[in-house]
């Protein structure tokens, strides 16, 4: 029973050609290349490459944009407490800006922003400012009004230094 044995036992001889071996090598090579590129892509997407090389994309982005901040003057406004009661709010805050270059625009347009703040505060009732939900709502509303008044400068956050409701 040698290599030139006939197919008497029901098994057909396997004939391999050079093109069959090349196809297998090509498929295996394609799988290896796609695994390597897939692994590199996953490592880049998760930030592993940035941590290893020290050039994380988030770190570079935060270095490029240095946020600025501006203190706004104290605001005292009477609240809408009804005809028989008087209630006031005193507010000191700091605005965080998207870029440091917006500070000059904010200082220039500050009277417009204060007017919008005063108008909004005078329409609020004291019970709307109670609790953390009231403080959160006030912050979000004042940020929205500041962005309207200071456009194209952009306010990203408002930090309350003092908030007193009497």
C-alpha atoms as a PDB file:
ATOM      1  CA  UNK A   1       0.000   0.000   0.000  1.00  0.00           C
ATOM      2  CA  UNK A   2       1.958   2.878  -1.266  1.00  0.00           C
ATOM      3  CA  UNK A   3       1.254   6.329  -2.479  1.00  0.00           C
ATOM      4  CA  UNK A   4      -0.026   5.021  -5.819  1.00  0.00           C
ATOM      5  CA  UNK A   5      -2.647   2.819  -4.181  1.00  0.00           C
ATOM      6  CA  UNK A   6      -5.983   2.774  -5.918  1.00  0.00           C
ATOM      7  CA  UNK A   7      -9.216   3.853  -4.352  1.00  0.00           C
ATOM      8  CA  UNK A   8     -10.328   0.296  -3.594  1.00  0.00           C
ATOM      9  CA  UNK A   9     -11.090   0.992   0.033  1.00  0.00           C
ATOM     10  CA  UNK A  10     -13.556   3.777  -0.835  1.00  0.00           C
ATOM     11  CA  UNK A  11     -11.291   6.678   0.102  1.00  0.00           C
ATOM     12  CA  UNK A  12     -10.504   9.110  -2.672  1.00  0.00           C
ATOM     13  CA  UNK A  13      -6.916  10.312  -2.840  1.00  0.00           C
ATOM     14  CA  UNK A  14      -6.396  13.929  -1.800  1.00  0.00           C
ATOM     15  CA  UNK A  15      -4.799  15.961  -4.510  1.00  0.00           C
ATOM     16  CA  UNK A  16      -3.269  19.242  -3.371  1.00  0.00           C
ATOM     17  CA  UNK A  17      -2.082  21.891  -5.670  1.00  0.00           C
ATOM     18  CA  UNK A  18       0.124  24.892  -5.114  1.00  0.00           C
ATOM     19  CA  UNK A  19      -2.869  27.293  -5.422  1.00  0.00           C
ATOM     20  CA  UNK A  20      -4.680  25.526  -2.542  1.00  0.00           C
ATOM     21  CA  UNK A  21      -1.748  26.150  -0.209  1.00  0.00           C
ATOM     22  CA  UNK A  22      -1.575  29.789  -1.302  1.00  0.00           C
ATOM     23  CA  UNK A  23      -5.272  30.293  -0.514  1.00  0.00           C
ATOM     24  CA  UNK A  24      -4.806  28.877   2.983  1.00  0.00           C
ATOM     25  CA  UNK A  25      -1.787  31.118   3.603  1.00  0.00           C
ATOM     26  CA  UNK A  26      -3.697  34.114   2.298  1.00  0.00           C
ATOM     27  CA  UNK A  27      -6.690  33.425   4.562  1.00  0.00           C
ATOM     28  CA  UNK A  28      -4.510  32.846   7.630  1.00  0.00           C
ATOM     29  CA  UNK A  29      -2.512  36.003   6.858  1.00  0.00           C
ATOM     30  CA  UNK A  30      -5.722  38.021   6.495  1.00  0.00           C
ATOM     31  CA  UNK A  31      -7.046  36.743   9.831  1.00  0.00           C
ATOM     32  CA  UNK A  32      -3.751  37.589  11.586  1.00  0.00           C
ATOM     33  CA  UNK A  33      -3.637  41.098  10.083  1.00  0.00           C
ATOM     34  CA  UNK A  34      -7.259  41.798  11.003  1.00  0.00           C
ATOM     35  CA  UNK A  35      -6.651  40.591  14.587  1.00  0.00           C
ATOM     36  CA  UNK A  36      -3.600  42.846  14.922  1.00  0.00           C
ATOM     37  CA  UNK A  37      -5.411  45.916  13.577  1.00  0.00           C
ATOM     38  CA  UNK A  38      -8.492  45.119  15.670  1.00  0.00           C
ATOM     39  CA  UNK A  39      -6.372  44.849  18.823  1.00  0.00           C
ATOM     40  CA  UNK A  40      -4.620  48.137  18.081  1.00  0.00           C
ATOM     41  CA  UNK A  41      -7.979  49.814  17.436  1.00  0.00           C
ATOM     42  CA  UNK A  42      -9.426  48.542  20.713  1.00  0.00           C
ATOM     43  CA  UNK A  43      -6.303  49.627  22.612  1.00  0.00           C
ATOM     44  CA  UNK A  44      -6.542  53.105  21.089  1.00  0.00           C
ATOM     45  CA  UNK A  45     -10.279  53.409  21.762  1.00  0.00           C
ATOM     46  CA  UNK A  46      -9.892  52.425  25.426  1.00  0.00           C
ATOM     47  CA  UNK A  47      -6.984  54.843  25.896  1.00  0.00           C
ATOM     48  CA  UNK A  48      -4.395  52.153  26.594  1.00  0.00           C
ATOM     49  CA  UNK A  49      -2.072  53.480  23.903  1.00  0.00           C
ATOM     50  CA  UNK A  50      -2.323  57.018  25.280  1.00  0.00           C
ATOM     51  CA  UNK A  51      -1.449  55.837  28.785  1.00  0.00           C
ATOM     52  CA  UNK A  52       1.529  53.837  27.555  1.00  0.00           C
ATOM     53  CA  UNK A  53       2.952  56.634  25.430  1.00  0.00           C
ATOM     54  CA  UNK A  54       1.899  59.454  27.746  1.00  0.00           C
ATOM     55  CA  UNK A  55      -0.060  61.265  25.006  1.00  0.00           C
ATOM     56  CA  UNK A  56      -3.639  60.619  25.987  1.00  0.00           C
ATOM     57  CA  UNK A  57      -6.113  62.465  23.764  1.00  0.00           C
ATOM     58  CA  UNK A  58      -8.123  63.702  26.755  1.00  0.00           C
ATOM     59  CA  UNK A  59      -5.017  65.126  28.396  1.00  0.00           C
ATOM     60  CA  UNK A  60      -4.084  66.960  25.205  1.00  0.00           C
ATOM     61  CA  UNK A  61      -7.619  68.343  24.854  1.00  0.00           C
ATOM     62  CA  UNK A  62      -7.677  69.611  28.432  1.00  0.00           C
ATOM     63  CA  UNK A  63      -4.294  71.280  27.930  1.00  0.00           C
ATOM     64  CA  UNK A  64      -5.545  73.054  24.800  1.00  0.00           C
ATOM     65  CA  UNK A  65      -8.673  74.477  26.452  1.00  0.00           C
ATOM     66  CA  UNK A  66      -8.066  76.285  29.713  1.00  0.00           C
ATOM     67  CA  UNK A  67     -11.407  77.302  31.201  1.00  0.00           C
ATOM     68  CA  UNK A  68     -11.728  80.742  32.702  1.00  0.00           C
ATOM     69  CA  UNK A  69     -13.824  81.953  35.588  1.00  0.00           C
ATOM     70  CA  UNK A  70     -15.431  85.256  36.521  1.00  0.00           C
ATOM     71  CA  UNK A  71     -16.981  86.301  39.828  1.00  0.00           C
ATOM     72  CA  UNK A  72     -20.292  88.055  39.404  1.00  0.00           C
ATOM     73  CA  UNK A  73     -21.211  90.845  41.816  1.00  0.00           C
ATOM     74  CA  UNK A  74     -23.636  90.147  44.633  1.00  0.00           C
ATOM     75  CA  UNK A  75     -27.273  90.174  43.545  1.00  0.00           C
ATOM     76  CA  UNK A  76     -30.064  91.020  45.982  1.00  0.00           C
ATOM     77  CA  UNK A  77     -33.610  90.631  44.673  1.00  0.00           C
ATOM     78  CA  UNK A  78     -37.042  90.527  46.215  1.00  0.00           C
ATOM     79  CA  UNK A  79     -38.995  87.351  45.506  1.00  0.00           C
ATOM     80  CA  UNK A  80     -42.622  87.033  44.467  1.00  0.00           C
ATOM     81  CA  UNK A  81     -43.928  86.137  47.929  1.00  0.00           C
ATOM     82  CA  UNK A  82     -47.346  87.736  47.688  1.00  0.00           C
ATOM     83  CA  UNK A  83     -48.744  91.100  48.788  1.00  0.00           C
ATOM     84  CA  UNK A  84     -48.566  90.534  52.562  1.00  0.00           C
ATOM     85  CA  UNK A  85     -45.079  89.088  52.857  1.00  0.00           C
ATOM     86  CA  UNK A  86     -41.606  90.230  51.889  1.00  0.00           C
ATOM     87  CA  UNK A  87     -38.914  87.750  50.889  1.00  0.00           C
ATOM     88  CA  UNK A  88     -35.430  88.325  49.490  1.00  0.00           C
ATOM     89  CA  UNK A  89     -32.673  86.326  47.907  1.00  0.00           C
ATOM     90  CA  UNK A  90     -28.978  87.222  48.079  1.00  0.00           C
ATOM     91  CA  UNK A  91     -26.713  85.500  45.593  1.00  0.00           C
ATOM     92  CA  UNK A  92     -22.951  85.485  45.045  1.00  0.00           C
ATOM     93  CA  UNK A  93     -21.654  83.211  42.321  1.00  0.00           C
ATOM     94  CA  UNK A  94     -18.736  82.383  40.046  1.00  0.00           C
ATOM     95  CA  UNK A  95     -19.154  81.566  36.370  1.00  0.00           C
ATOM     96  CA  UNK A  96     -16.917  78.972  34.744  1.00  0.00           C
ATOM     97  CA  UNK A  97     -16.359  79.668  31.061  1.00  0.00           C
ATOM     98  CA  UNK A  98     -15.477  77.337  28.224  1.00  0.00           C
ATOM     99  CA  UNK A  99     -12.317  79.285  27.330  1.00  0.00           C
ATOM    100  CA  UNK A 100     -10.160  81.787  29.134  1.00  0.00           C
ATOM    101  CA  UNK A 101     -10.488  84.259  26.264  1.00  0.00           C
ATOM    102  CA  UNK A 102     -14.218  84.703  27.058  1.00  0.00           C
ATOM    103  CA  UNK A 103     -13.456  86.516  30.336  1.00  0.00           C
ATOM    104  CA  UNK A 104     -13.201  89.949  28.661  1.00  0.00           C
ATOM    105  CA  UNK A 105     -16.547  89.484  26.880  1.00  0.00           C
ATOM    106  CA  UNK A 106     -18.208  88.437  30.138  1.00  0.00           C
ATOM    107  CA  UNK A 107     -16.923  91.499  31.977  1.00  0.00           C
ATOM    108  CA  UNK A 108     -18.172  93.715  29.137  1.00  0.00           C
ATOM    109  CA  UNK A 109     -21.651  92.133  28.960  1.00  0.00           C
ATOM    110  CA  UNK A 110     -22.119  91.651  32.698  1.00  0.00           C
ATOM    111  CA  UNK A 111     -24.856  94.330  33.098  1.00  0.00           C
ATOM    112  CA  UNK A 112     -27.042  92.536  30.543  1.00  0.00           C
ATOM    113  CA  UNK A 113     -26.564  89.235  32.361  1.00  0.00           C
ATOM    114  CA  UNK A 114     -27.369  90.794  35.750  1.00  0.00           C
ATOM    115  CA  UNK A 115     -30.561  92.282  34.333  1.00  0.00           C
ATOM    116  CA  UNK A 116     -31.706  88.849  33.134  1.00  0.00           C
ATOM    117  CA  UNK A 117     -30.834  87.348  36.535  1.00  0.00           C
ATOM    118  CA  UNK A 118     -32.751  90.070  38.421  1.00  0.00           C
ATOM    119  CA  UNK A 119     -35.814  89.675  36.217  1.00  0.00           C
ATOM    120  CA  UNK A 120     -35.845  85.905  36.691  1.00  0.00           C
ATOM    121  CA  UNK A 121     -35.299  86.067  40.465  1.00  0.00           C
ATOM    122  CA  UNK A 122     -38.082  88.618  41.018  1.00  0.00           C
ATOM    123  CA  UNK A 123     -40.567  86.271  39.345  1.00  0.00           C
ATOM    124  CA  UNK A 124     -39.665  83.287  41.574  1.00  0.00           C
ATOM    125  CA  UNK A 125     -41.558  82.316  44.720  1.00  0.00           C
ATOM    126  CA  UNK A 126     -39.593  81.397  47.874  1.00  0.00           C
ATOM    127  CA  UNK A 127     -40.908  77.822  47.899  1.00  0.00           C
ATOM    128  CA  UNK A 128     -39.434  77.262  44.402  1.00  0.00           C
ATOM    129  CA  UNK A 129     -35.944  77.791  45.838  1.00  0.00           C
ATOM    130  CA  UNK A 130     -36.277  75.386  48.772  1.00  0.00           C
ATOM    131  CA  UNK A 131     -34.111  72.259  48.892  1.00  0.00           C
ATOM    132  CA  UNK A 132     -31.506  70.843  46.575  1.00  0.00           C
ATOM    133  CA  UNK A 133     -33.980  70.557  43.674  1.00  0.00           C
ATOM    134  CA  UNK A 134     -34.703  74.284  43.901  1.00  0.00           C
ATOM    135  CA  UNK A 135     -31.002  75.128  43.985  1.00  0.00           C
ATOM    136  CA  UNK A 136     -30.346  72.857  41.002  1.00  0.00           C
ATOM    137  CA  UNK A 137     -33.195  74.400  39.019  1.00  0.00           C
ATOM    138  CA  UNK A 138     -31.951  77.908  39.850  1.00  0.00           C
ATOM    139  CA  UNK A 139     -28.422  77.005  38.694  1.00  0.00           C
ATOM    140  CA  UNK A 140     -29.632  75.564  35.390  1.00  0.00           C
ATOM    141  CA  UNK A 141     -31.914  78.519  34.678  1.00  0.00           C
ATOM    142  CA  UNK A 142     -29.201  81.077  35.453  1.00  0.00           C
ATOM    143  CA  UNK A 143     -26.677  79.243  33.256  1.00  0.00           C
ATOM    144  CA  UNK A 144     -29.184  79.282  30.389  1.00  0.00           C
ATOM    145  CA  UNK A 145     -29.804  83.012  30.842  1.00  0.00           C
ATOM    146  CA  UNK A 146     -26.079  83.730  31.116  1.00  0.00           C
ATOM    147  CA  UNK A 147     -25.445  81.906  27.832  1.00  0.00           C
ATOM    148  CA  UNK A 148     -28.156  84.008  26.174  1.00  0.00           C
ATOM    149  CA  UNK A 149     -26.773  87.280  27.522  1.00  0.00           C
ATOM    150  CA  UNK A 150     -23.101  86.508  26.914  1.00  0.00           C
ATOM    151  CA  UNK A 151     -23.284  84.833  23.488  1.00  0.00           C
ATOM    152  CA  UNK A 152     -20.946  83.906  21.774  1.00  0.00           C
ATOM    153  CA  UNK A 153     -19.108  83.340  25.086  1.00  0.00           C
ATOM    154  CA  UNK A 154     -20.203  80.090  26.705  1.00  0.00           C
ATOM    155  CA  UNK A 155     -20.811  79.474  30.418  1.00  0.00           C
ATOM    156  CA  UNK A 156     -20.235  75.838  31.363  1.00  0.00           C
ATOM    157  CA  UNK A 157     -20.940  75.982  35.100  1.00  0.00           C
ATOM    158  CA  UNK A 158     -22.159  78.284  37.844  1.00  0.00           C
ATOM    159  CA  UNK A 159     -20.780  77.864  41.340  1.00  0.00           C
ATOM    160  CA  UNK A 160     -22.781  79.399  44.157  1.00  0.00           C
ATOM    161  CA  UNK A 161     -20.490  81.109  46.631  1.00  0.00           C
ATOM    162  CA  UNK A 162     -23.422  82.300  48.737  1.00  0.00           C
ATOM    163  CA  UNK A 163     -27.154  81.745  48.403  1.00  0.00           C
ATOM    164  CA  UNK A 164     -29.356  83.226  51.112  1.00  0.00           C
ATOM    165  CA  UNK A 165     -33.150  83.214  51.063  1.00  0.00           C
ATOM    166  CA  UNK A 166     -34.965  85.356  53.656  1.00  0.00           C
END
